[in-house]
Amino acid sequence: MQRGDIDEHDVVTALAGFDGLWETLFPAEQARTARILINRVMVSQQVLTVDLRTEGLGSVIRDMLAPRKQDMAA
């Protein structure tokens, strides 16, 4: 998987650190990120289904990688 400036390794690396990043975000930033990533949530008595926006994932990954890439350039 290669799209623009993000490759599969970047995605795996960024998502591995997502829990730690999430804990550092203010509630408003968490809500913004959730709006970018979540398309629809369906709840029934038997199941909870969350549909993600794949186009939103790229922007979140880019945001997560930006500080790391700047550190590598320095």
N, C-alpha and C. Protein backbone atom coordinates (compact mmCIF):
# COMPACT_ATOMS: atom_id res chain seq x y z
N MET A 1 0.85 -1.19 0.00
CA MET A 1 0.00 0.00 0.00
C MET A 1 0.89 1.24 0.00
N GLN A 2 0.84 2.01 -1.03
CA GLN A 2 1.63 3.23 -1.12
C GLN A 2 0.74 4.33 -1.69
N ARG A 3 0.55 5.40 -0.94
CA ARG A 3 -0.25 6.54 -1.41
C ARG A 3 0.48 7.82 -1.06
N GLY A 4 0.93 8.51 -2.07
CA GLY A 4 1.59 9.78 -1.85
C GLY A 4 2.79 9.64 -0.94
N ASP A 5 2.79 10.37 0.15
CA ASP A 5 3.92 10.38 1.07
C ASP A 5 3.74 9.44 2.25
N ILE A 6 2.71 8.59 2.25
CA ILE A 6 2.46 7.66 3.35
C ILE A 6 2.51 6.24 2.80
N ASP A 7 3.32 5.40 3.44
CA ASP A 7 3.35 4.00 3.03
C ASP A 7 2.83 3.12 4.17
N GLU A 8 2.74 1.84 3.91
CA GLU A 8 2.16 0.90 4.88
C GLU A 8 2.92 0.92 6.20
N HIS A 9 4.24 0.99 6.14
CA HIS A 9 5.04 1.03 7.37
C HIS A 9 4.69 2.25 8.22
N ASP A 10 4.52 3.42 7.58
CA ASP A 10 4.13 4.63 8.31
C ASP A 10 2.80 4.44 9.01
N VAL A 11 1.84 3.82 8.32
CA VAL A 11 0.50 3.61 8.90
C VAL A 11 0.60 2.70 10.12
N VAL A 12 1.30 1.58 9.97
CA VAL A 12 1.43 0.63 11.08
C VAL A 12 2.11 1.29 12.27
N THR A 13 3.16 2.04 12.01
CA THR A 13 3.89 2.71 13.08
C THR A 13 3.01 3.74 13.79
N ALA A 14 2.30 4.54 13.02
CA ALA A 14 1.44 5.57 13.61
C ALA A 14 0.31 4.95 14.43
N LEU A 15 -0.32 3.93 13.90
CA LEU A 15 -1.44 3.31 14.62
C LEU A 15 -0.99 2.59 15.88
N ALA A 16 0.24 2.09 15.89
CA ALA A 16 0.77 1.43 17.08
C ALA A 16 0.86 2.42 18.26
N GLY A 17 1.07 3.69 17.95
CA GLY A 17 1.17 4.70 19.00
C GLY A 17 -0.10 5.50 19.21
N PHE A 18 -1.21 5.07 18.61
CA PHE A 18 -2.44 5.86 18.65
C PHE A 18 -2.98 6.01 20.07
N ASP A 19 -2.95 4.94 20.88
CA ASP A 19 -3.46 5.03 22.25
C ASP A 19 -2.74 6.11 23.05
N GLY A 20 -1.42 6.13 22.94
CA GLY A 20 -0.64 7.13 23.66
C GLY A 20 -0.96 8.54 23.18
N LEU A 21 -1.12 8.70 21.87
CA LEU A 21 -1.47 10.01 21.32
C LEU A 21 -2.85 10.44 21.80
N TRP A 22 -3.80 9.52 21.75
CA TRP A 22 -5.19 9.81 22.13
C TRP A 22 -5.24 10.36 23.56
N GLU A 23 -4.46 9.77 24.45
CA GLU A 23 -4.45 10.20 25.85
C GLU A 23 -3.92 11.61 26.03
N THR A 24 -3.10 12.10 25.10
CA THR A 24 -2.54 13.44 25.21
C THR A 24 -3.44 14.52 24.64
N LEU A 25 -4.46 14.12 23.88
CA LEU A 25 -5.33 15.10 23.23
C LEU A 25 -6.36 15.67 24.20
N PHE A 26 -6.67 16.95 24.01
CA PHE A 26 -7.77 17.56 24.74
C PHE A 26 -9.07 16.99 24.22
N PRO A 27 -10.14 17.02 25.02
CA PRO A 27 -11.43 16.47 24.57
C PRO A 27 -11.90 17.03 23.23
N ALA A 28 -11.69 18.31 22.97
CA ALA A 28 -12.10 18.89 21.69
C ALA A 28 -11.31 18.28 20.53
N GLU A 29 -10.01 18.02 20.75
CA GLU A 29 -9.20 17.39 19.71
C GLU A 29 -9.61 15.93 19.49
N GLN A 30 -9.98 15.24 20.57
CA GLN A 30 -10.48 13.88 20.45
C GLN A 30 -11.77 13.85 19.64
N ALA A 31 -12.66 14.80 19.90
CA ALA A 31 -13.92 14.87 19.17
C ALA A 31 -13.67 15.16 17.69
N ARG A 32 -12.76 16.07 17.39
CA ARG A 32 -12.42 16.39 15.99
C ARG A 32 -11.87 15.16 15.28
N THR A 33 -10.97 14.45 15.93
CA THR A 33 -10.38 13.25 15.35
C THR A 33 -11.46 12.18 15.11
N ALA A 34 -12.35 12.02 16.08
CA ALA A 34 -13.44 11.04 15.92
C ALA A 34 -14.33 11.41 14.73
N ARG A 35 -14.63 12.72 14.57
CA ARG A 35 -15.45 13.15 13.43
C ARG A 35 -14.77 12.87 12.10
N ILE A 36 -13.45 13.01 12.06
CA ILE A 36 -12.69 12.75 10.84
C ILE A 36 -12.71 11.26 10.50
N LEU A 37 -12.62 10.41 11.53
CA LEU A 37 -12.47 8.98 11.31
C LEU A 37 -13.77 8.19 11.22
N ILE A 38 -14.83 8.64 11.89
CA ILE A 38 -16.06 7.85 11.98
C ILE A 38 -17.10 8.37 10.99
N ASN A 39 -17.56 7.48 10.14
CA ASN A 39 -18.60 7.81 9.18
C ASN A 39 -19.99 7.60 9.78
N ARG A 40 -20.17 6.43 10.40
CA ARG A 40 -21.49 6.10 10.93
C ARG A 40 -21.34 5.07 12.05
N VAL A 41 -22.20 5.20 13.07
CA VAL A 41 -22.27 4.23 14.16
C VAL A 41 -23.70 3.69 14.20
N MET A 42 -23.81 2.37 14.16
CA MET A 42 -25.14 1.74 14.24
C MET A 42 -25.16 0.85 15.48
N VAL A 43 -26.21 1.02 16.29
CA VAL A 43 -26.34 0.27 17.52
C VAL A 43 -27.66 -0.49 17.50
N SER A 44 -27.58 -1.77 17.82
CA SER A 44 -28.78 -2.58 17.99
C SER A 44 -28.61 -3.38 19.28
N GLN A 45 -29.60 -4.17 19.62
CA GLN A 45 -29.49 -4.98 20.84
C GLN A 45 -28.40 -6.04 20.72
N GLN A 46 -28.09 -6.45 19.49
CA GLN A 46 -27.11 -7.52 19.29
C GLN A 46 -25.71 -7.05 18.93
N VAL A 47 -25.61 -5.88 18.31
CA VAL A 47 -24.31 -5.51 17.74
C VAL A 47 -24.10 -3.99 17.71
N LEU A 48 -22.84 -3.62 17.76
CA LEU A 48 -22.42 -2.23 17.56
C LEU A 48 -21.53 -2.23 16.31
N THR A 49 -21.89 -1.43 15.31
CA THR A 49 -21.13 -1.36 14.07
C THR A 49 -20.63 0.07 13.88
N VAL A 50 -19.33 0.20 13.63
CA VAL A 50 -18.71 1.50 13.39
C VAL A 50 -18.10 1.47 11.99
N ASP A 51 -18.60 2.34 11.12
CA ASP A 51 -18.05 2.49 9.77
C ASP A 51 -17.05 3.63 9.78
N LEU A 52 -15.82 3.34 9.35
CA LEU A 52 -14.76 4.36 9.34
C LEU A 52 -14.66 5.02 7.98
N ARG A 53 -14.20 6.26 8.00
CA ARG A 53 -13.90 7.00 6.76
C ARG A 53 -12.44 6.73 6.42
N THR A 54 -12.22 6.00 5.35
CA THR A 54 -10.83 5.70 4.99
C THR A 54 -10.10 6.95 4.53
N GLU A 55 -10.83 7.89 3.91
CA GLU A 55 -10.15 9.12 3.47
C GLU A 55 -9.72 9.97 4.67
N GLY A 56 -10.41 9.87 5.79
CA GLY A 56 -10.03 10.59 7.00
C GLY A 56 -8.81 10.01 7.66
N LEU A 57 -8.59 8.72 7.49
CA LEU A 57 -7.46 8.05 8.11
C LEU A 57 -6.14 8.63 7.62
N GLY A 58 -6.05 8.94 6.34
CA GLY A 58 -4.82 9.50 5.78
C GLY A 58 -4.43 10.81 6.45
N SER A 59 -5.40 11.68 6.67
CA SER A 59 -5.08 12.98 7.28
C SER A 59 -4.66 12.81 8.74
N VAL A 60 -5.29 11.87 9.44
CA VAL A 60 -4.90 11.62 10.84
C VAL A 60 -3.49 11.04 10.89
N ILE A 61 -3.18 10.10 10.00
CA ILE A 61 -1.84 9.51 9.97
C ILE A 61 -0.81 10.57 9.65
N ARG A 62 -1.11 11.45 8.68
CA ARG A 62 -0.17 12.54 8.34
C ARG A 62 0.06 13.44 9.55
N ASP A 63 -1.01 13.76 10.28
CA ASP A 63 -0.87 14.60 11.49
C ASP A 63 -0.02 13.90 12.55
N MET A 64 -0.21 12.59 12.68
CA MET A 64 0.55 11.84 13.68
C MET A 64 2.02 11.74 13.31
N LEU A 65 2.31 11.64 12.01
CA LEU A 65 3.69 11.48 11.56
C LEU A 65 4.44 12.79 11.42
N ALA A 66 3.74 13.91 11.30
CA ALA A 66 4.40 15.20 11.05
C ALA A 66 5.47 15.52 12.09
N PRO A 67 5.20 15.45 13.39
CA PRO A 67 6.25 15.79 14.35
C PRO A 67 7.43 14.82 14.26
N ARG A 68 7.17 13.54 14.00
CA ARG A 68 8.24 12.55 13.92
C ARG A 68 9.14 12.81 12.72
N LYS A 69 8.54 13.16 11.57
CA LYS A 69 9.34 13.43 10.38
C LYS A 69 10.16 14.71 10.56
N GLN A 70 9.61 15.70 11.29
CA GLN A 70 10.37 16.93 11.55
C GLN A 70 11.56 16.63 12.44
N ASP A 71 11.38 15.74 13.43
CA ASP A 71 12.48 15.36 14.31
C ASP A 71 13.59 14.65 13.53
N MET A 72 13.21 13.81 12.57
CA MET A 72 14.18 13.08 11.77
C MET A 72 14.98 14.03 10.86
N ALA A 73 14.34 15.11 10.41
CA ALA A 73 15.00 16.07 9.52
C ALA A 73 16.00 16.94 10.27
N ALA A 74 15.78 17.11 11.57
CA ALA A 74 16.65 18.00 12.36
C ALA A 74 17.97 17.39 12.70
